Amino acid sequence: MTIRTSPEELALQSATATPSGAGGASIAPSPSRGSRAGRSGLLRGLRTPSALIGLSLVVVIYAAGLLAPLIAPYAPNAQGPDAFLAPSAAHWFGTDEYGRDLFSRVLFGIRQDLIVSVVAVPIGAIVGTVLGTLSTISKWLESVIQRIFDVSLAFTSLVMGVTIAAIIGPGLPAVLITVSLINVPLFGRLAHNVVRGLRSRDYVTAARIVGAPPMRVLFRHILPNALDSLIVQAALSLSLAVFIEGAMSFVGIGIRPPDPSLGSLLRNSINFLSRAPMYAIAPMVVVTALVLAFNMIGDGLNKGLLRR
């Protein structure tokens, strides 16, 4: 049986081969070997102490939010006769001004951040990566797309959130759109820079020599090797998403009452800090832990890639 080898594969084999008897050094590794090296770097990064601690925190917190209907002792919006009860066995974090159980509301508030993280960040990452990659095809596309990124980066996250909320109204959709739009230029700029750096690699040159279409070279040979840096950025963007949701809900343009969110709990607790300190401490600790955990994961992944 004859085994067929595509022209691209033959070119890649010749580009990575060491000349016989010449004693020369091998040319840069093929895309598959580069991808494997990147994956091993990411795995090595996840095994660092900081990444393990961060990953453990994220898993525990988001698992608690995901299982909130099973864990929470009360419905998040169920009011009771006793306001501002101190923490006890019946109410672990006490109650708020309406007698609602704070522990239950914190658990359901975590769910809002989980939704934002798993929906908005991937959307922003995909759109930004595609636009950033396409901007390397031609000077005209690069100029247009990069100017769009410049305009987007001119808006701070809170200003972007206020603008979106003014257009469509406050609520979860406004938070999702804001987080997605904030992440588009971040991933776009990163993808643009990484792809441009990879275009000079030998396996890319070999694919072009054998006549591979530009889009095929871009998405089959270049983009897979850019995923390592994009994964690190994703970890950092998840911490940014938690911060943006908290900030928007804190100023009243995020998750709308009576639905709980970590940011809205912090906002509502301001007037009762001396009377019920746990009202503010509980959501603040969770937000801080999530932001810190994602940053620790990103730092660990980055260290793993630098040491490969």
Protein backbone atom coordinates (compact mmCIF):
# COMPACT_ATOMS: atom_id res chain seq x y z
CA MET A 1 0.00 0.00 0.00
CA THR A 2 1.41 3.39 -0.98
CA ILE A 3 1.56 6.01 1.74
CA ARG A 4 0.94 9.47 0.37
CA THR A 5 2.78 12.43 1.85
CA SER A 6 1.53 15.95 1.18
CA PRO A 7 3.93 18.52 -0.32
CA GLU A 8 3.76 20.54 2.87
CA GLU A 9 4.85 17.57 4.99
CA LEU A 10 7.76 16.85 2.63
CA ALA A 11 8.86 20.47 2.84
CA LEU A 12 8.60 20.48 6.61
CA GLN A 13 10.66 17.28 6.81
CA SER A 14 13.37 18.74 4.60
CA ALA A 15 13.36 22.03 6.52
CA THR A 16 13.87 20.31 9.85
CA ALA A 17 16.39 17.70 8.72
CA THR A 18 20.12 17.97 9.52
CA PRO A 19 22.32 17.74 6.38
CA SER A 20 24.03 14.37 6.15
CA GLY A 21 27.70 14.52 7.04
CA ALA A 22 27.66 18.29 7.25
CA GLY A 23 27.76 18.40 11.02
CA GLY A 24 25.32 21.30 10.92
CA ALA A 25 22.73 22.11 13.58
CA SER A 26 19.11 21.23 13.04
CA ILE A 27 16.80 23.97 11.89
CA ALA A 28 13.95 25.11 14.16
CA PRO A 29 11.50 22.40 15.25
CA SER A 30 8.37 21.61 13.33
CA PRO A 31 5.00 23.01 14.43
CA SER A 32 4.02 19.75 16.07
CA ARG A 33 7.22 19.64 18.11
CA GLY A 34 6.82 23.31 19.02
CA SER A 35 3.25 22.68 20.11
CA ARG A 36 4.32 19.70 22.24
CA ALA A 37 7.01 21.83 23.86
CA GLY A 38 4.42 24.49 24.60
CA ARG A 39 2.04 21.96 26.11
CA SER A 40 4.81 20.58 28.32
CA GLY A 41 5.66 24.12 29.39
CA LEU A 42 2.06 24.78 30.34
CA LEU A 43 1.86 21.51 32.29
CA ARG A 44 5.10 22.36 34.03
CA GLY A 45 3.68 25.75 34.88
CA LEU A 46 0.53 24.23 36.34
CA ARG A 47 2.71 22.13 38.67
CA THR A 48 4.36 25.18 40.22
CA PRO A 49 3.27 25.89 43.83
CA SER A 50 1.64 29.22 42.96
CA ALA A 51 -0.38 27.73 40.10
CA LEU A 52 -1.47 24.74 42.20
CA ILE A 53 -2.65 27.01 45.01
CA GLY A 54 -4.45 29.28 42.58
CA LEU A 55 -6.08 26.39 40.73
CA SER A 56 -7.22 24.85 44.01
CA LEU A 57 -8.81 28.14 45.10
CA VAL A 58 -10.62 28.56 41.79
CA VAL A 59 -11.92 24.98 41.82
CA VAL A 60 -13.19 25.23 45.40
CA ILE A 61 -14.85 28.64 44.97
CA TYR A 62 -16.45 27.94 41.60
CA ALA A 63 -17.55 24.46 42.70
CA ALA A 64 -19.30 26.08 45.67
CA GLY A 65 -21.03 28.52 43.33
CA LEU A 66 -21.96 25.83 40.83
CA LEU A 67 -23.45 23.68 43.61
CA ALA A 68 -25.12 26.63 45.32
CA PRO A 69 -28.67 25.23 44.91
CA LEU A 70 -27.54 22.12 46.80
CA ILE A 71 -25.26 23.78 49.36
CA ALA A 72 -27.14 26.97 50.22
CA PRO A 73 -29.34 26.49 53.29
CA TYR A 74 -31.83 29.14 52.13
CA ALA A 75 -33.08 30.63 48.89
CA PRO A 76 -30.93 33.66 48.01
CA ASN A 77 -33.86 36.12 47.97
CA ALA A 78 -35.88 34.63 50.86
CA GLN A 79 -36.49 37.35 53.44
CA GLY A 80 -36.69 36.66 57.16
CA PRO A 81 -37.92 38.50 60.26
CA ASP A 82 -34.46 39.00 61.76
CA ALA A 83 -32.17 41.56 60.10
CA PHE A 84 -28.44 41.82 60.79
CA LEU A 85 -28.14 38.60 62.74
CA ALA A 86 -24.57 37.78 63.79
CA PRO A 87 -22.88 34.73 62.25
CA SER A 88 -24.21 31.53 63.80
CA ALA A 89 -24.84 27.88 63.03
CA ALA A 90 -28.14 28.83 61.39
CA HIS A 91 -26.64 31.70 59.37
CA TRP A 92 -22.91 31.24 58.83
CA PHE A 93 -22.33 34.81 57.62
CA GLY A 94 -25.33 36.35 59.38
CA THR A 95 -28.22 38.11 57.63
CA ASP A 96 -28.61 41.38 55.72
CA GLU A 97 -31.02 44.29 56.18
CA TYR A 98 -33.92 42.21 54.85
CA GLY A 99 -33.14 39.12 56.92
CA ARG A 100 -31.73 37.24 53.93
CA ASP A 101 -29.03 34.65 54.60
CA LEU A 102 -25.68 36.11 53.52
CA PHE A 103 -23.99 32.75 53.08
CA SER A 104 -26.61 31.72 50.55
CA ARG A 105 -26.38 35.05 48.74
CA VAL A 106 -22.59 34.84 48.51
CA LEU A 107 -22.84 31.33 47.01
CA PHE A 108 -25.33 32.47 44.38
CA GLY A 109 -23.25 35.59 43.80
CA ILE A 110 -20.30 33.38 42.87
CA ARG A 111 -22.47 31.85 40.14
CA GLN A 112 -22.69 35.25 38.43
CA ASP A 113 -18.90 35.49 38.25
CA LEU A 114 -18.76 31.92 36.96
CA ILE A 115 -21.18 32.80 34.15
CA VAL A 116 -19.16 35.87 33.22
CA SER A 117 -15.90 33.89 33.25
CA VAL A 118 -17.03 30.95 31.11
CA VAL A 119 -19.06 33.03 28.61
CA ALA A 120 -17.58 36.50 28.18
CA VAL A 121 -13.85 35.73 28.38
CA PRO A 122 -13.93 32.97 25.69
CA ILE A 123 -15.99 35.20 23.38
CA GLY A 124 -13.53 38.07 23.77
CA ALA A 125 -10.59 35.69 23.35
CA ILE A 126 -11.91 34.12 20.15
CA VAL A 127 -12.93 37.40 18.51
CA GLY A 128 -9.71 39.15 19.54
CA THR A 129 -7.48 36.28 18.41
CA VAL A 130 -9.18 36.03 15.02
CA LEU A 131 -9.01 39.79 14.43
CA GLY A 132 -5.41 39.99 15.65
CA THR A 133 -4.40 37.09 13.42
CA LEU A 134 -6.18 38.50 10.38
CA SER A 135 -4.45 41.85 10.91
CA THR A 136 -1.15 40.20 9.95
CA ILE A 137 -2.35 39.30 6.45
CA SER A 138 -2.09 42.75 4.87
CA LYS A 139 -1.01 46.27 5.78
CA TRP A 140 -4.52 47.58 5.09
CA LEU A 141 -6.18 45.10 7.44
CA GLU A 142 -3.49 45.71 10.04
CA SER A 143 -4.07 49.46 9.97
CA VAL A 144 -7.87 49.18 10.27
CA ILE A 145 -7.96 46.49 12.95
CA GLN A 146 -5.19 48.02 15.06
CA ARG A 147 -6.95 51.40 15.03
CA ILE A 148 -10.10 49.66 16.27
CA PHE A 149 -8.04 48.16 19.08
CA ASP A 150 -6.62 51.60 19.89
CA VAL A 151 -10.11 53.05 20.25
CA SER A 152 -11.23 50.14 22.44
CA LEU A 153 -8.19 50.46 24.71
CA ALA A 154 -8.93 54.16 25.18
CA PHE A 155 -11.94 53.15 27.30
CA THR A 156 -11.32 51.94 30.83
CA SER A 157 -13.36 48.94 31.90
CA LEU A 158 -15.72 51.02 34.02
CA VAL A 159 -16.25 53.66 31.32
CA MET A 160 -16.94 50.87 28.83
CA GLY A 161 -19.40 49.33 31.29
CA VAL A 162 -21.23 52.62 31.81
CA THR A 163 -21.47 53.10 28.05
CA ILE A 164 -22.85 49.61 27.43
CA ALA A 165 -25.28 49.90 30.36
CA ALA A 166 -26.53 53.23 29.00
CA ILE A 167 -27.24 51.60 25.64
CA ILE A 168 -28.85 48.31 26.63
CA GLY A 169 -29.57 48.87 30.32
CA PRO A 170 -27.87 47.48 33.43
CA GLY A 171 -27.83 43.76 34.08
CA LEU A 172 -25.95 40.57 33.28
CA PRO A 173 -25.99 41.16 29.47
CA ALA A 174 -24.24 44.51 29.98
CA VAL A 175 -21.56 42.81 32.09
CA LEU A 176 -21.04 40.05 29.51
CA ILE A 177 -20.72 42.50 26.62
CA THR A 178 -18.36 44.76 28.57
CA VAL A 179 -16.04 41.93 29.59
CA SER A 180 -16.02 40.58 26.02
CA LEU A 181 -15.23 43.98 24.49
CA ILE A 182 -12.49 44.69 27.02
CA ASN A 183 -10.79 41.38 26.19
CA VAL A 184 -10.96 41.72 22.39
CA PRO A 185 -8.07 44.20 22.05
CA LEU A 186 -6.04 42.44 24.74
CA PHE A 187 -6.10 39.12 22.89
CA GLY A 188 -5.97 40.86 19.50
CA ARG A 189 -2.77 42.74 20.25
CA LEU A 190 -1.16 39.65 21.76
CA ALA A 191 -2.14 37.43 18.82
CA HIS A 192 -0.89 40.04 16.35
CA ASN A 193 2.52 40.29 17.99
CA VAL A 194 2.98 36.55 18.50
CA VAL A 195 1.88 35.66 14.96
CA ARG A 196 4.23 38.23 13.47
CA GLY A 197 7.07 36.73 15.48
CA LEU A 198 6.29 33.21 14.26
CA ARG A 199 6.07 34.13 10.58
CA SER A 200 9.85 34.00 10.20
CA ARG A 201 10.13 30.41 11.48
CA ASP A 202 11.52 27.82 9.08
CA TYR A 203 8.44 25.60 9.06
CA VAL A 204 6.33 28.60 7.99
CA THR A 205 8.80 29.42 5.22
CA ALA A 206 8.74 25.79 4.04
CA ALA A 207 4.94 25.78 3.88
CA ARG A 208 4.99 28.94 1.79
CA ILE A 209 7.62 27.56 -0.58
CA VAL A 210 5.44 24.59 -1.48
CA GLY A 211 2.56 26.94 -2.26
CA ALA A 212 0.33 26.60 0.79
CA PRO A 213 -2.38 29.31 0.81
CA PRO A 214 -1.75 32.16 3.27
CA MET A 215 -4.83 31.34 5.36
CA ARG A 216 -3.77 27.70 5.62
CA VAL A 217 -0.30 28.72 6.76
CA LEU A 218 -1.79 31.14 9.24
CA PHE A 219 -4.35 28.88 10.90
CA ARG A 220 -2.60 25.51 10.58
CA HIS A 221 1.07 26.28 11.12
CA ILE A 222 1.26 29.60 12.97
CA LEU A 223 -1.79 29.96 15.21
CA PRO A 224 -1.42 26.59 17.01
CA ASN A 225 2.03 27.69 18.20
CA ALA A 226 0.62 30.98 19.48
CA LEU A 227 -1.84 29.25 21.81
CA ASP A 228 0.62 29.09 24.73
CA SER A 229 0.76 32.87 25.19
CA LEU A 230 -2.99 33.14 24.64
CA ILE A 231 -3.69 30.60 27.40
CA VAL A 232 -1.60 32.63 29.85
CA GLN A 233 -3.54 35.75 28.85
CA ALA A 234 -6.81 33.86 29.37
CA ALA A 235 -5.90 33.18 33.00
CA LEU A 236 -5.18 36.86 33.56
CA SER A 237 -8.37 37.87 31.75
CA LEU A 238 -10.43 35.67 34.07
CA SER A 239 -9.21 37.73 37.03
CA LEU A 240 -10.05 40.89 35.10
CA ALA A 241 -13.56 39.56 34.47
CA VAL A 242 -14.14 39.06 38.20
CA PHE A 243 -12.94 42.60 38.85
CA ILE A 244 -15.14 44.13 36.12
CA GLU A 245 -18.26 42.30 37.30
CA GLY A 246 -17.62 43.43 40.86
CA ALA A 247 -16.97 47.03 39.82
CA MET A 248 -20.06 47.27 37.60
CA SER A 249 -22.33 45.74 40.21
CA PHE A 250 -20.76 47.94 42.89
CA VAL A 251 -21.75 51.13 41.03
CA GLY A 252 -25.20 49.77 40.20
CA ILE A 253 -24.88 48.96 36.48
CA GLY A 254 -24.16 45.25 36.81
CA ILE A 255 -26.33 42.46 38.19
CA ARG A 256 -29.68 43.97 39.12
CA PRO A 257 -31.34 43.48 42.52
CA PRO A 258 -32.68 41.38 44.07
CA ASP A 259 -30.36 38.87 42.35
CA PRO A 260 -27.12 38.66 44.35
CA SER A 261 -23.63 39.26 43.03
CA LEU A 262 -20.37 39.80 44.85
CA GLY A 263 -20.19 43.42 43.70
CA SER A 264 -23.77 44.27 44.66
CA LEU A 265 -23.29 42.70 48.09
CA LEU A 266 -20.30 44.95 48.65
CA ARG A 267 -22.27 48.00 47.52
CA ASN A 268 -25.23 47.22 49.79
CA SER A 269 -22.95 46.62 52.77
CA ILE A 270 -21.41 50.11 52.77
CA ASN A 271 -24.09 51.64 55.01
CA PHE A 272 -23.90 48.78 57.52
CA LEU A 273 -20.15 48.24 58.01
CA SER A 274 -20.19 48.86 61.77
CA ARG A 275 -23.42 46.99 62.34
CA ALA A 276 -22.74 43.90 60.21
CA PRO A 277 -19.06 43.71 59.18
CA MET A 278 -19.45 40.19 57.76
CA TYR A 279 -21.84 41.70 55.19
CA ALA A 280 -18.80 43.26 53.48
CA ILE A 281 -16.05 40.88 54.56
CA ALA A 282 -17.50 37.71 53.01
CA PRO A 283 -17.92 38.93 49.40
CA MET A 284 -14.68 40.93 49.63
CA VAL A 285 -12.71 37.85 50.63
CA VAL A 286 -14.21 35.82 47.77
CA VAL A 287 -13.48 38.51 45.15
CA THR A 288 -9.92 38.94 46.43
CA ALA A 289 -9.34 35.19 46.47
CA LEU A 290 -10.58 34.76 42.89
CA VAL A 291 -8.53 37.64 41.49
CA LEU A 292 -5.43 36.46 43.37
CA ALA A 293 -5.96 32.84 42.31
CA PHE A 294 -6.23 33.63 38.59
CA ASN A 295 -3.14 35.82 38.77
CA MET A 296 -1.24 33.01 40.51
CA ILE A 297 -2.29 30.59 37.75
CA GLY A 298 -1.17 33.03 35.05
CA ASP A 299 2.15 33.60 36.81
CA GLY A 300 2.76 29.86 37.12
CA LEU A 301 1.94 29.22 33.46
CA ASN A 302 4.22 32.05 32.40
CA LYS A 303 7.10 30.63 34.46
CA GLY A 304 6.56 27.20 32.93
CA LEU A 305 6.76 28.56 29.39
CA LEU A 306 9.87 30.64 30.14
CA ARG A 307 11.71 27.54 31.44
CA ARG A 308 11.01 25.24 28.51
